[in-house]
C-alpha cells in the first residue's frame, strides 16, 4: 500500500486499551518514545492488532501544535 503521508513511525504495539467503541493503541517507536492513537475497535480487530505486533503510526495533519517543556 502506498500513501501520501510522509510521517510514518514504525514500532511495536505495547498496549491496547479496549473500550466499548474505541481503543487506545500505544506503539513503542524506539528511543524511549511511545505514540498513542485512539481508533475504533472495529479497526483494531480488522487490522489484527495485538501487543507485540509490528505496526506503523501514520500521521497526516493540517495543523501541528508545538510546546516547550517546563
N, C-alpha and C. Protein backbone atom coordinates (compact mmCIF):
# COMPACT_ATOMS: atom_id res chain seq x y z
N UNK A 1 0.84 -1.17 0.00
CA UNK A 1 0.00 0.00 0.00
C UNK A 1 0.89 1.24 0.00
N UNK A 2 0.59 2.17 -0.89
CA UNK A 2 1.30 3.45 -0.92
C UNK A 2 0.34 4.52 -0.43
N UNK A 3 0.86 5.42 0.41
CA UNK A 3 0.06 6.52 0.93
C UNK A 3 0.85 7.81 0.83
N UNK A 4 0.14 8.93 0.87
CA UNK A 4 0.80 10.23 0.71
C UNK A 4 1.43 10.75 1.99
N UNK A 5 0.99 10.29 3.14
CA UNK A 5 1.51 10.79 4.41
C UNK A 5 2.99 10.43 4.54
N UNK A 6 3.80 11.42 4.83
CA UNK A 6 5.25 11.21 4.96
C UNK A 6 5.66 10.85 6.38
N UNK A 7 4.84 11.17 7.34
CA UNK A 7 5.18 10.91 8.73
C UNK A 7 4.71 9.51 9.11
N UNK A 8 5.62 8.56 8.97
CA UNK A 8 5.33 7.17 9.27
C UNK A 8 6.34 6.68 10.29
N UNK A 9 5.85 6.30 11.46
CA UNK A 9 6.72 5.88 12.55
C UNK A 9 6.51 4.39 12.83
N UNK A 10 7.53 3.60 12.53
CA UNK A 10 7.44 2.16 12.72
C UNK A 10 7.74 1.80 14.16
N UNK A 11 7.06 0.77 14.65
CA UNK A 11 7.31 0.32 16.01
C UNK A 11 6.55 -0.94 16.33
N UNK A 12 6.41 -1.19 17.63
CA UNK A 12 5.68 -2.38 18.11
C UNK A 12 4.57 -1.95 19.05
N UNK A 13 3.45 -2.60 18.93
CA UNK A 13 2.32 -2.34 19.81
C UNK A 13 2.69 -2.80 21.22
N UNK A 14 2.57 -1.89 22.20
CA UNK A 14 2.90 -2.26 23.58
C UNK A 14 1.65 -2.36 24.46
N UNK A 15 0.55 -1.73 24.03
CA UNK A 15 -0.69 -1.89 24.78
C UNK A 15 -1.89 -1.50 23.92
N UNK A 16 -3.01 -2.12 24.24
CA UNK A 16 -4.29 -1.79 23.62
C UNK A 16 -5.31 -1.72 24.74
N UNK A 17 -5.83 -0.52 24.98
CA UNK A 17 -6.86 -0.34 26.00
C UNK A 17 -8.20 -0.37 25.26
N UNK A 18 -8.94 -1.45 25.45
CA UNK A 18 -10.19 -1.63 24.72
C UNK A 18 -11.35 -0.95 25.42
N UNK A 19 -12.14 -0.22 24.64
CA UNK A 19 -13.35 0.42 25.14
C UNK A 19 -14.54 -0.17 24.40
N UNK A 20 -15.71 0.35 24.69
CA UNK A 20 -16.93 -0.15 24.04
C UNK A 20 -16.93 0.17 22.54
N UNK A 21 -16.44 1.36 22.17
CA UNK A 21 -16.45 1.79 20.77
C UNK A 21 -15.05 1.99 20.23
N UNK A 22 -14.18 2.61 21.01
CA UNK A 22 -12.81 2.94 20.58
C UNK A 22 -11.78 2.22 21.45
N UNK A 23 -10.59 2.11 20.91
CA UNK A 23 -9.47 1.57 21.67
C UNK A 23 -8.31 2.54 21.59
N UNK A 24 -7.47 2.54 22.62
CA UNK A 24 -6.26 3.36 22.62
C UNK A 24 -5.09 2.41 22.38
N UNK A 25 -4.42 2.62 21.26
CA UNK A 25 -3.30 1.77 20.86
C UNK A 25 -2.01 2.55 21.11
N UNK A 26 -1.09 1.94 21.84
CA UNK A 26 0.21 2.57 22.13
C UNK A 26 1.28 1.79 21.39
N UNK A 27 2.10 2.54 20.62
CA UNK A 27 3.18 1.94 19.84
C UNK A 27 4.51 2.49 20.33
N UNK A 28 5.44 1.58 20.64
CA UNK A 28 6.80 1.95 21.02
C UNK A 28 7.57 2.20 19.72
N UNK A 29 8.00 3.45 19.51
CA UNK A 29 8.69 3.81 18.27
C UNK A 29 10.21 3.90 18.47
N UNK A 30 10.69 3.44 19.61
CA UNK A 30 12.12 3.39 19.87
C UNK A 30 12.63 4.62 20.59
N UNK A 31 13.82 4.50 21.12
CA UNK A 31 14.46 5.61 21.81
C UNK A 31 13.73 6.06 23.05
N UNK A 32 12.94 5.15 23.65
CA UNK A 32 12.17 5.50 24.84
C UNK A 32 10.91 6.30 24.51
N UNK A 33 10.53 6.34 23.25
CA UNK A 33 9.36 7.11 22.82
C UNK A 33 8.19 6.20 22.46
N UNK A 34 7.01 6.65 22.84
CA UNK A 34 5.77 5.95 22.50
C UNK A 34 4.80 6.95 21.91
N UNK A 35 3.95 6.45 21.04
CA UNK A 35 2.89 7.27 20.45
C UNK A 35 1.59 6.51 20.61
N UNK A 36 0.51 7.25 20.89
CA UNK A 36 -0.78 6.58 21.07
C UNK A 36 -1.78 7.14 20.08
N UNK A 37 -2.75 6.31 19.74
CA UNK A 37 -3.81 6.70 18.83
C UNK A 37 -5.11 6.09 19.32
N UNK A 38 -6.17 6.85 19.21
CA UNK A 38 -7.50 6.35 19.51
C UNK A 38 -8.14 5.98 18.19
N UNK A 39 -8.45 4.70 18.03
CA UNK A 39 -9.08 4.21 16.80
C UNK A 39 -10.27 3.35 17.18
N UNK A 40 -11.13 3.09 16.23
CA UNK A 40 -12.31 2.28 16.53
C UNK A 40 -11.91 0.85 16.85
N UNK A 41 -12.73 0.20 17.66
CA UNK A 41 -12.48 -1.21 17.97
C UNK A 41 -12.65 -2.06 16.71
N UNK A 42 -13.49 -1.62 15.80
CA UNK A 42 -13.62 -2.32 14.52
C UNK A 42 -12.29 -2.32 13.79
N UNK A 43 -11.59 -1.16 13.78
CA UNK A 43 -10.29 -1.07 13.13
C UNK A 43 -9.25 -1.94 13.84
N UNK A 44 -9.28 -1.94 15.16
CA UNK A 44 -8.35 -2.79 15.93
C UNK A 44 -8.50 -4.24 15.49
N UNK A 45 -9.74 -4.69 15.39
CA UNK A 45 -10.00 -6.10 15.01
C UNK A 45 -9.67 -6.36 13.55
N UNK A 46 -10.07 -5.44 12.65
CA UNK A 46 -9.80 -5.64 11.23
C UNK A 46 -8.30 -5.67 10.93
N UNK A 47 -7.52 -4.87 11.65
CA UNK A 47 -6.07 -4.85 11.47
C UNK A 47 -5.38 -6.00 12.19
N UNK A 48 -6.10 -6.69 13.06
CA UNK A 48 -5.50 -7.79 13.82
C UNK A 48 -4.44 -7.30 14.79
N UNK A 49 -4.62 -6.09 15.33
CA UNK A 49 -3.62 -5.54 16.25
C UNK A 49 -3.55 -6.36 17.53
N UNK A 50 -2.33 -6.63 17.95
CA UNK A 50 -2.06 -7.35 19.19
C UNK A 50 -0.78 -6.81 19.78
N UNK A 51 -0.67 -6.90 21.09
CA UNK A 51 0.57 -6.49 21.77
C UNK A 51 1.71 -7.33 21.22
N UNK A 52 2.82 -6.66 20.89
CA UNK A 52 4.00 -7.33 20.35
C UNK A 52 4.06 -7.33 18.83
N UNK A 53 2.94 -7.00 18.18
CA UNK A 53 2.91 -6.99 16.72
C UNK A 53 3.49 -5.68 16.20
N UNK A 54 4.21 -5.76 15.08
CA UNK A 54 4.74 -4.54 14.46
C UNK A 54 3.60 -3.75 13.84
N UNK A 55 3.72 -2.43 13.91
CA UNK A 55 2.70 -1.54 13.36
C UNK A 55 3.37 -0.24 12.94
N UNK A 56 2.66 0.56 12.17
CA UNK A 56 3.16 1.85 11.72
C UNK A 56 2.14 2.91 12.11
N UNK A 57 2.60 3.94 12.82
CA UNK A 57 1.76 5.09 13.12
C UNK A 57 1.91 6.05 11.94
N UNK A 58 0.80 6.36 11.29
CA UNK A 58 0.81 7.26 10.14
C UNK A 58 0.15 8.56 10.58
N UNK A 59 0.88 9.67 10.42
CA UNK A 59 0.38 10.96 10.90
C UNK A 59 0.16 11.87 9.70
N UNK A 60 -1.07 12.31 9.53
CA UNK A 60 -1.42 13.26 8.47
C UNK A 60 -2.26 14.32 9.13
N UNK A 61 -1.74 15.52 9.25
CA UNK A 61 -2.44 16.57 9.96
C UNK A 61 -2.33 17.89 9.21
N UNK A 62 -3.36 18.69 9.34
CA UNK A 62 -3.32 20.01 8.73
C UNK A 62 -2.75 21.04 9.68
N UNK A 63 -2.67 20.71 10.95
CA UNK A 63 -2.05 21.62 11.92
C UNK A 63 -1.31 20.81 12.98
N UNK A 64 -0.21 21.36 13.43
CA UNK A 64 0.60 20.70 14.45
C UNK A 64 0.84 21.71 15.56
N UNK A 65 0.65 21.28 16.80
CA UNK A 65 0.91 22.15 17.95
C UNK A 65 2.34 21.91 18.42
N UNK A 66 2.99 22.97 18.85
CA UNK A 66 4.35 22.88 19.36
C UNK A 66 4.37 23.48 20.75
N UNK A 67 5.03 22.81 21.67
CA UNK A 67 5.14 23.32 23.03
C UNK A 67 6.56 23.22 23.54
N UNK A 68 6.79 23.83 24.66
CA UNK A 68 8.09 23.79 25.31
C UNK A 68 7.96 23.07 26.66
N UNK A 69 8.96 22.27 27.02
CA UNK A 69 8.92 21.62 28.33
C UNK A 69 9.02 22.66 29.45
N UNK A 70 8.49 22.32 30.60
CA UNK A 70 8.57 23.23 31.78
C UNK A 70 9.99 23.32 32.29
